[in-house]
Protein backbone atom coordinates (compact mmCIF):
# COMPACT_ATOMS: atom_id res chain seq x y z
CA MET A 1 69.65 6.92 -139.00
CA GLU A 2 66.80 8.84 -136.82
CA THR A 3 63.71 9.92 -138.39
CA THR A 4 63.22 13.73 -138.79
CA GLU A 5 60.47 13.05 -136.10
CA THR A 6 62.19 11.33 -133.73
CA PHE A 7 65.26 13.63 -134.30
CA GLU A 8 63.12 16.59 -133.30
CA SER A 9 61.06 14.70 -130.49
CA LEU A 10 64.77 14.07 -128.80
CA VAL A 11 66.26 17.19 -129.34
CA ARG A 12 63.43 19.23 -128.04
CA ALA A 13 63.39 17.16 -125.02
CA GLU A 14 66.70 17.85 -123.94
CA PHE A 15 67.24 21.51 -124.57
CA THR A 16 65.59 24.61 -123.39
CA PRO A 17 68.03 27.36 -124.52
CA LYS A 18 66.87 31.03 -123.19
CA SER A 19 68.50 32.70 -126.23
CA THR A 20 69.14 32.12 -129.92
CA TYR A 21 72.46 30.33 -129.13
CA LEU A 22 74.69 29.95 -132.01
CA ASN A 23 77.94 29.45 -130.45
CA THR A 24 78.73 25.67 -130.06
CA ALA A 25 82.29 26.46 -131.37
CA GLY A 26 82.56 28.07 -128.05
CA ASN A 27 80.58 25.70 -125.83
CA GLY A 28 77.94 23.33 -126.51
CA LEU A 29 74.68 23.23 -124.59
CA LEU A 30 74.04 20.84 -121.77
CA PRO A 31 71.42 18.35 -122.45
CA ALA A 32 68.77 17.95 -119.67
CA ARG A 33 69.96 14.24 -118.95
CA THR A 34 73.32 15.55 -118.54
CA VAL A 35 72.31 18.33 -115.96
CA ALA A 36 70.48 15.55 -114.11
CA ALA A 37 73.52 13.23 -114.19
CA LEU A 38 75.66 16.15 -112.93
CA HIS A 39 73.33 16.61 -109.98
CA GLU A 40 73.41 13.01 -108.91
CA ALA A 41 76.98 12.95 -109.04
CA ALA A 42 77.22 15.89 -106.77
CA LEU A 43 74.93 14.24 -104.62
CA LEU A 44 76.94 11.24 -104.11
CA ARG A 45 79.75 13.43 -102.75
CA ALA A 46 77.44 15.32 -100.60
CA GLU A 47 75.67 12.39 -98.88
CA GLY A 48 79.19 10.23 -98.64
CA ARG A 49 78.16 7.57 -101.05
CA PRO A 50 80.39 5.39 -102.70
CA LEU A 51 81.90 6.89 -105.81
CA THR A 52 82.18 3.91 -107.90
CA PRO A 53 79.65 4.66 -110.25
CA LEU A 54 81.65 8.00 -111.15
CA TYR A 55 84.72 5.76 -112.28
CA GLU A 56 82.29 3.52 -114.12
CA ASP A 57 81.38 6.52 -115.95
CA VAL A 58 84.55 7.13 -117.18
CA GLU A 59 85.21 3.90 -118.80
CA ALA A 60 81.68 4.03 -120.58
CA CYS A 61 83.02 7.64 -121.82
CA ARG A 62 86.03 5.96 -123.15
CA ALA A 63 84.12 3.25 -124.91
CA ALA A 64 81.46 5.56 -126.31
CA TYR A 65 83.92 8.11 -127.50
CA ALA A 66 85.62 4.91 -129.21
CA ARG A 67 82.83 4.19 -131.26
CA LEU A 68 82.29 7.51 -132.33
CA ALA A 69 85.97 7.84 -133.27
CA GLY A 70 86.08 4.29 -135.10
CA VAL A 71 88.85 2.92 -132.91
CA PRO A 72 88.83 0.23 -130.14
CA ALA A 73 88.58 1.74 -126.66
CA THR A 74 92.21 0.45 -126.09
CA ARG A 75 93.51 3.28 -128.05
CA VAL A 76 91.72 5.93 -126.35
CA ALA A 77 93.06 7.92 -123.35
CA ALA A 78 90.95 9.89 -121.26
CA GLY A 79 92.72 13.52 -120.15
CA ALA A 80 91.49 16.95 -119.41
CA SER A 81 92.49 19.04 -122.30
CA VAL A 82 94.18 18.90 -125.62
CA ALA A 83 97.19 21.05 -124.82
CA ALA A 84 98.02 18.18 -122.20
CA HIS A 85 97.48 15.58 -125.10
CA THR A 86 99.81 17.78 -127.44
CA GLY A 87 102.50 18.05 -124.76
CA VAL A 88 102.71 14.30 -124.40
CA ILE A 89 103.05 14.18 -128.34
CA ALA A 90 105.61 17.15 -128.38
CA ALA A 91 107.80 15.54 -125.66
CA SER A 92 108.00 12.27 -127.63
CA LEU A 93 109.95 14.02 -130.72
CA PRO A 94 113.73 14.23 -130.91
CA ALA A 95 115.53 17.34 -130.88
CA GLY A 96 115.74 18.99 -134.34
CA ALA A 97 112.49 17.20 -135.50
CA GLU A 98 110.11 19.12 -137.97
CA VAL A 99 106.73 19.68 -137.10
CA LEU A 100 104.17 21.16 -139.57
CA THR A 101 101.31 23.23 -138.70
CA ALA A 102 98.71 25.27 -140.14
CA GLU A 103 98.63 29.23 -140.00
CA ASP A 104 96.76 30.63 -137.07
CA ASP A 105 95.50 27.24 -135.87
CA PHE A 106 94.13 26.71 -132.47
CA THR A 107 96.84 27.47 -129.87
CA SER A 108 96.41 24.15 -128.08
CA VAL A 109 97.46 22.15 -131.08
CA MET A 110 100.55 23.75 -131.86
CA ASN A 111 101.83 25.94 -129.07
CA PRO A 112 103.44 22.97 -127.08
CA PHE A 113 105.86 22.12 -130.14
CA HIS A 114 106.73 25.74 -129.96
CA VAL A 115 107.72 25.82 -126.31
CA ARG A 116 110.07 22.74 -126.63
CA GLY A 117 112.40 25.21 -127.99
CA ASP A 118 114.66 22.78 -129.65
CA LEU A 119 111.83 21.58 -132.49
CA LYS A 120 111.87 22.98 -135.96
CA VAL A 121 108.26 24.21 -136.24
CA ARG A 122 107.16 25.14 -139.92
CA THR A 123 103.73 27.07 -140.69
CA VAL A 124 102.18 27.00 -143.74
CA PRO A 125 98.55 28.37 -144.97
CA LEU A 126 95.94 25.49 -144.08
CA ASP A 127 95.03 24.95 -147.86
CA ARG A 128 98.85 24.30 -148.70
CA ILE A 129 99.51 21.93 -145.49
CA ALA A 130 99.44 18.70 -147.64
CA GLU A 131 101.88 20.03 -150.45
CA SER A 132 104.21 21.09 -147.60
CA VAL A 133 104.92 17.80 -146.11
CA ARG A 134 108.39 17.11 -147.29
CA PRO A 135 111.24 14.34 -146.57
CA GLY A 136 112.43 15.27 -142.91
CA THR A 137 108.84 16.27 -141.80
CA ALA A 138 108.40 14.17 -138.71
CA LEU A 139 104.67 15.32 -137.84
CA VAL A 140 102.09 17.32 -139.33
CA ALA A 141 99.58 18.79 -136.68
CA VAL A 142 96.23 20.48 -137.63
CA SER A 143 92.78 21.03 -136.34
CA ALA A 144 90.25 18.96 -138.62
CA ALA A 145 87.98 22.28 -138.62
CA GLN A 146 89.76 25.31 -137.76
CA SER A 147 88.06 27.02 -134.54
CA ALA A 148 88.40 30.65 -135.89
CA ASP A 149 86.49 30.31 -139.08
CA GLY A 150 85.48 26.80 -139.76
CA ARG A 151 87.58 25.69 -142.68
CA ILE A 152 88.09 21.73 -143.04
CA ALA A 153 91.36 20.54 -143.66
CA ASP A 154 91.81 17.96 -146.59
CA LEU A 155 92.63 15.34 -144.28
CA ALA A 156 92.60 12.61 -147.01
CA ALA A 157 95.39 14.78 -148.91
CA LEU A 158 96.86 15.26 -145.63
CA ARG A 159 97.10 11.45 -144.95
CA GLU A 160 98.51 10.61 -148.39
CA ALA A 161 101.17 13.15 -148.34
CA ALA A 162 102.44 12.21 -144.49
CA ARG A 163 102.50 8.53 -145.91
CA ALA A 164 104.46 9.11 -148.91
CA HIS A 165 107.12 11.12 -146.69
CA GLY A 166 107.21 8.92 -143.81
CA ALA A 167 105.44 11.69 -141.58
CA ARG A 168 103.13 10.92 -138.34
CA THR A 169 99.86 12.94 -138.66
CA TYR A 170 98.04 14.50 -135.44
CA VAL A 171 94.66 15.62 -135.76
CA ASP A 172 92.67 17.85 -133.33
CA PHE A 173 89.02 17.22 -134.03
CA SER A 174 87.81 19.43 -130.99
CA GLN A 175 85.60 21.47 -133.65
CA ALA A 176 84.54 18.42 -135.44
CA ALA A 177 83.88 15.54 -133.22
CA GLY A 178 80.00 15.21 -132.82
CA TRP A 179 78.92 16.53 -136.09
CA LEU A 180 81.73 15.51 -138.65
CA PRO A 181 82.19 11.97 -139.11
CA MET A 182 85.43 10.80 -137.96
CA ASP A 183 88.03 8.00 -138.55
CA ALA A 184 90.56 8.34 -135.70
CA GLY A 185 92.23 4.99 -136.91
CA ALA A 186 93.34 6.93 -140.01
CA TYR A 187 95.84 9.08 -138.23
CA ASP A 188 98.57 8.42 -135.67
CA PHE A 189 97.32 10.67 -133.08
CA THR A 190 93.96 12.36 -132.63
CA ALA A 191 92.87 14.60 -129.79
CA THR A 192 89.08 16.33 -128.81
CA VAL A 193 87.73 17.99 -125.97
CA SER A 194 84.28 17.43 -124.65
CA PHE A 195 82.49 20.77 -124.11
CA LYS A 196 81.72 21.94 -127.52
CA TRP A 197 79.96 19.47 -130.21
CA LEU A 198 80.04 16.29 -127.74
CA LEU A 199 77.71 18.56 -125.39
CA GLY A 200 79.57 17.54 -122.12
CA PRO A 201 81.01 19.72 -119.26
CA HIS A 202 84.50 21.20 -119.37
CA GLY A 203 87.29 18.91 -118.01
CA ALA A 204 87.50 16.10 -120.58
CA ALA A 205 89.63 15.60 -123.39
CA PHE A 206 90.42 12.17 -125.52
CA LEU A 207 93.54 11.32 -127.09
CA THR A 208 93.85 8.36 -129.36
CA VAL A 209 97.13 6.69 -130.33
CA PRO A 210 98.23 3.68 -132.32
CA GLU A 211 98.31 0.22 -131.06
CA ASP A 212 101.95 0.23 -130.44
CA PHE A 213 101.38 3.98 -128.87
CA GLY A 214 103.58 5.59 -131.52
CA GLY A 215 106.50 6.18 -129.74
CA LEU A 216 104.82 8.19 -127.02
CA SER A 217 106.07 8.12 -123.24
CA PRO A 218 103.63 8.60 -120.50
CA VAL A 219 105.33 11.65 -119.02
CA LEU A 220 102.25 12.75 -117.47
CA ALA A 221 101.53 9.56 -115.91
CA GLY A 222 99.90 9.00 -112.37
CA TRP A 223 98.36 6.46 -110.51
CA VAL A 224 95.18 6.22 -112.82
CA ALA A 225 97.69 5.27 -115.67
CA ALA A 226 98.60 2.01 -114.02
CA GLU A 227 97.51 -1.39 -115.00
CA LYS A 228 95.83 -1.69 -111.66
CA PRO A 229 95.34 1.83 -110.43
CA TRP A 230 94.24 0.93 -106.91
CA ASP A 231 97.35 -0.86 -106.33
CA SER A 232 99.34 1.77 -107.56
CA CYS A 233 98.47 4.75 -105.23
CA TYR A 234 102.02 5.00 -103.47
CA GLY A 235 105.71 5.03 -105.14
CA PRO A 236 106.46 4.80 -108.70
CA VAL A 237 104.02 2.88 -110.81
CA ALA A 238 105.38 -0.52 -111.06
CA GLU A 239 103.04 -1.62 -114.34
CA LEU A 240 101.93 0.86 -116.89
CA ALA A 241 98.19 0.21 -118.33
CA HIS A 242 98.58 -2.49 -121.30
CA SER A 243 96.34 0.02 -123.40
CA ALA A 244 96.01 3.96 -123.90
CA ARG A 245 94.91 4.56 -120.69
CA ARG A 246 98.58 4.56 -119.72
CA PHE A 247 98.15 8.00 -120.92
CA ASP A 248 95.21 8.89 -118.82
CA LEU A 249 95.11 12.18 -116.61
CA THR A 250 93.39 11.92 -113.21
CA HIS A 251 89.81 11.98 -114.05
CA ALA A 252 87.43 15.04 -113.50
CA LEU A 253 84.94 12.60 -112.22
CA PHE A 254 81.86 15.08 -112.43
CA THR A 255 82.71 15.87 -115.99
CA PHE A 256 82.84 12.24 -117.13
CA ALA A 257 79.55 11.65 -115.39
CA GLY A 258 77.71 14.16 -117.31
CA LEU A 259 79.85 13.50 -120.48
CA ARG A 260 78.34 9.71 -120.33
CA ARG A 261 74.89 11.21 -121.08
CA SER A 262 75.93 13.34 -123.48
CA LEU A 263 77.62 11.00 -125.63
CA GLU A 264 74.79 8.55 -125.29
CA LEU A 265 72.58 11.32 -126.94
CA ILE A 266 74.92 11.80 -129.96
CA GLU A 267 74.79 8.20 -130.35
CA GLU A 268 71.08 8.05 -130.02
CA LEU A 269 70.63 10.79 -133.15
CA GLY A 270 73.40 9.36 -135.02
CA VAL A 271 76.26 11.67 -136.47
CA ALA A 272 75.33 11.44 -139.81
CA ALA A 273 71.92 12.93 -138.83
CA VAL A 274 73.58 15.54 -136.80
CA HIS A 275 75.92 16.41 -139.65
CA ALA A 276 72.87 16.68 -142.06
CA HIS A 277 71.19 18.93 -139.72
CA ASP A 278 74.03 21.02 -138.66
CA VAL A 279 75.39 21.81 -142.26
CA SER A 280 71.92 22.56 -143.64
CA LEU A 281 71.54 25.31 -140.97
CA ALA A 282 75.24 26.78 -141.99
CA ASP A 283 74.13 26.55 -145.63
CA ARG A 284 71.23 28.55 -144.94
CA PHE A 285 73.07 31.38 -142.99
CA ARG A 286 75.60 31.40 -145.88
CA ALA A 287 72.89 31.68 -148.61
CA GLY A 288 71.10 34.38 -146.26
CA LEU A 289 74.46 36.14 -145.95
CA ALA A 290 74.78 36.30 -149.84
CA ALA A 291 71.46 37.96 -150.14
CA LEU A 292 72.64 40.72 -147.69
CA GLY A 293 75.74 41.56 -149.43
CA HIS A 294 77.84 39.83 -147.14
CA GLU A 295 80.61 37.05 -148.14
CA PRO A 296 81.89 34.51 -145.33
CA VAL A 297 85.28 32.96 -145.21
CA PRO A 298 84.73 30.03 -147.60
CA ALA A 299 84.55 26.98 -145.68
CA PRO A 300 82.19 24.24 -147.52
CA GLY A 301 80.47 21.67 -145.54
CA SER A 302 81.29 23.12 -142.48
CA ALA A 303 78.95 23.69 -139.53
CA ILE A 304 80.77 26.91 -138.59
CA VAL A 305 80.46 30.18 -140.65
CA SER A 306 82.75 33.23 -140.16
CA VAL A 307 81.75 36.63 -141.48
CA PRO A 308 84.74 39.04 -141.94
CA ARG A 309 84.45 42.81 -140.49
CA LEU A 310 81.08 41.74 -138.65
CA GLY A 311 82.72 40.75 -135.53
CA SER A 312 82.21 44.10 -133.57
CA ARG A 313 78.37 43.45 -133.90
CA GLN A 314 78.74 40.36 -131.27
CA PRO A 315 77.96 42.84 -128.22
CA GLU A 316 74.80 44.09 -129.61
CA LEU A 317 73.59 40.63 -131.02
CA SER A 318 74.23 39.33 -127.42
CA GLU A 319 72.14 42.10 -125.97
CA ALA A 320 69.33 40.95 -128.44
CA GLY A 321 69.78 37.56 -127.05
CA ILE A 322 71.69 36.30 -129.92
CA GLU A 323 74.85 34.63 -129.13
CA VAL A 324 77.73 34.22 -131.62
CA SER A 325 81.45 35.09 -131.28
CA ASN A 326 83.80 37.19 -132.25
CA ARG A 327 87.13 35.63 -133.64
CA ALA A 328 89.92 38.07 -134.79
CA GLY A 329 87.29 40.47 -136.02
CA ASN A 330 84.92 38.11 -137.77
CA LEU A 331 81.59 37.14 -136.65
CA ARG A 332 81.43 33.36 -136.33
CA ALA A 333 78.24 31.56 -136.03
CA SER A 334 78.29 27.68 -135.31
CA PHE A 335 75.13 25.54 -135.55
CA HIS A 336 74.41 22.09 -133.77
CA LEU A 337 71.25 19.97 -133.19
CA PHE A 338 69.34 22.36 -130.98
CA ASN A 339 69.12 25.09 -133.78
CA THR A 340 66.49 25.51 -135.93
CA PRO A 341 66.14 27.54 -139.47
CA ALA A 342 64.27 30.13 -137.37
CA ASP A 343 67.38 30.56 -135.15
CA VAL A 344 69.06 31.45 -138.66
CA ASP A 345 66.50 33.47 -139.93
CA ARG A 346 66.68 35.68 -136.52
CA LEU A 347 70.47 36.28 -137.10
CA LEU A 348 70.06 37.19 -140.62
CA GLU A 349 67.23 39.49 -139.77
CA ALA A 350 69.44 41.21 -136.77
CA LEU A 351 72.43 41.57 -139.41
CA SER A 352 70.16 43.18 -142.08
CA GLY A 353 69.37 46.19 -139.88
């Protein structure tokens, strides 16, 4: 774990926000090293140099994400969006299969199951999802941390219930990976985008699958999903990759060039240190809200804080240089490693007026 002094020096060298930025649940800020890598990637294209380093960045990102997720790199597919990954999982289910989801979860983790039209999609409140797994439930799909309000799913209870009833599990870590320690190997499938707590550009998402691929068919596979991609550019792919790379989608090379540096920073700092930093700021905000007479949506241990009935204040806060979100009428503030106690206090002061 990094010392406080090293943590602070690393963070301050990488970020120079021009506002009080408290909206990582929307988009994370790009570190300076990431911006530099994006610039260098653009120069490769502009100057006609070989793009080999950009393909190497994809594999470096796969390996780095695998370490954060706690699984072998052979279980990680590199794609573009959670919705696409969910679509592959939805396509694998037999007609009539029951999928259990959480009420008002993020669209990308549930909509592909609905558009199938021949699945039984059952929705329950988040705090009842584990107890709602039943015989015949084929898959449970849920976000680790809810986008709208930061509530954290009881994943341990969910795993136990799914195991008891023979259901598979699919967890979206988009609002958790980077600050919440994760063990992707504990679930059948997980997915994560790159542009929130992982501090990368848009255009990349990861999928983790079991060693035996969990019955998934690579329905979106193109040439990059081949065991030998450069020998598979024409005609049907003769040999799919022997690893989760068979579920890769064509890579947004610039994105992975930048993301490689962002993931390096997360690893240098350590998720445990980032978690402690982020949650302490969220708890400071919760305590300040209580002093002002406001009650946030209960989400203990989360780096996301959502305050009912204050969402309408988002525009005026933005005008004052404080960036938060308005989600379903709630003011949502989300805290990450570049934030400080002064940022929290500035938001509280603005809300007291």
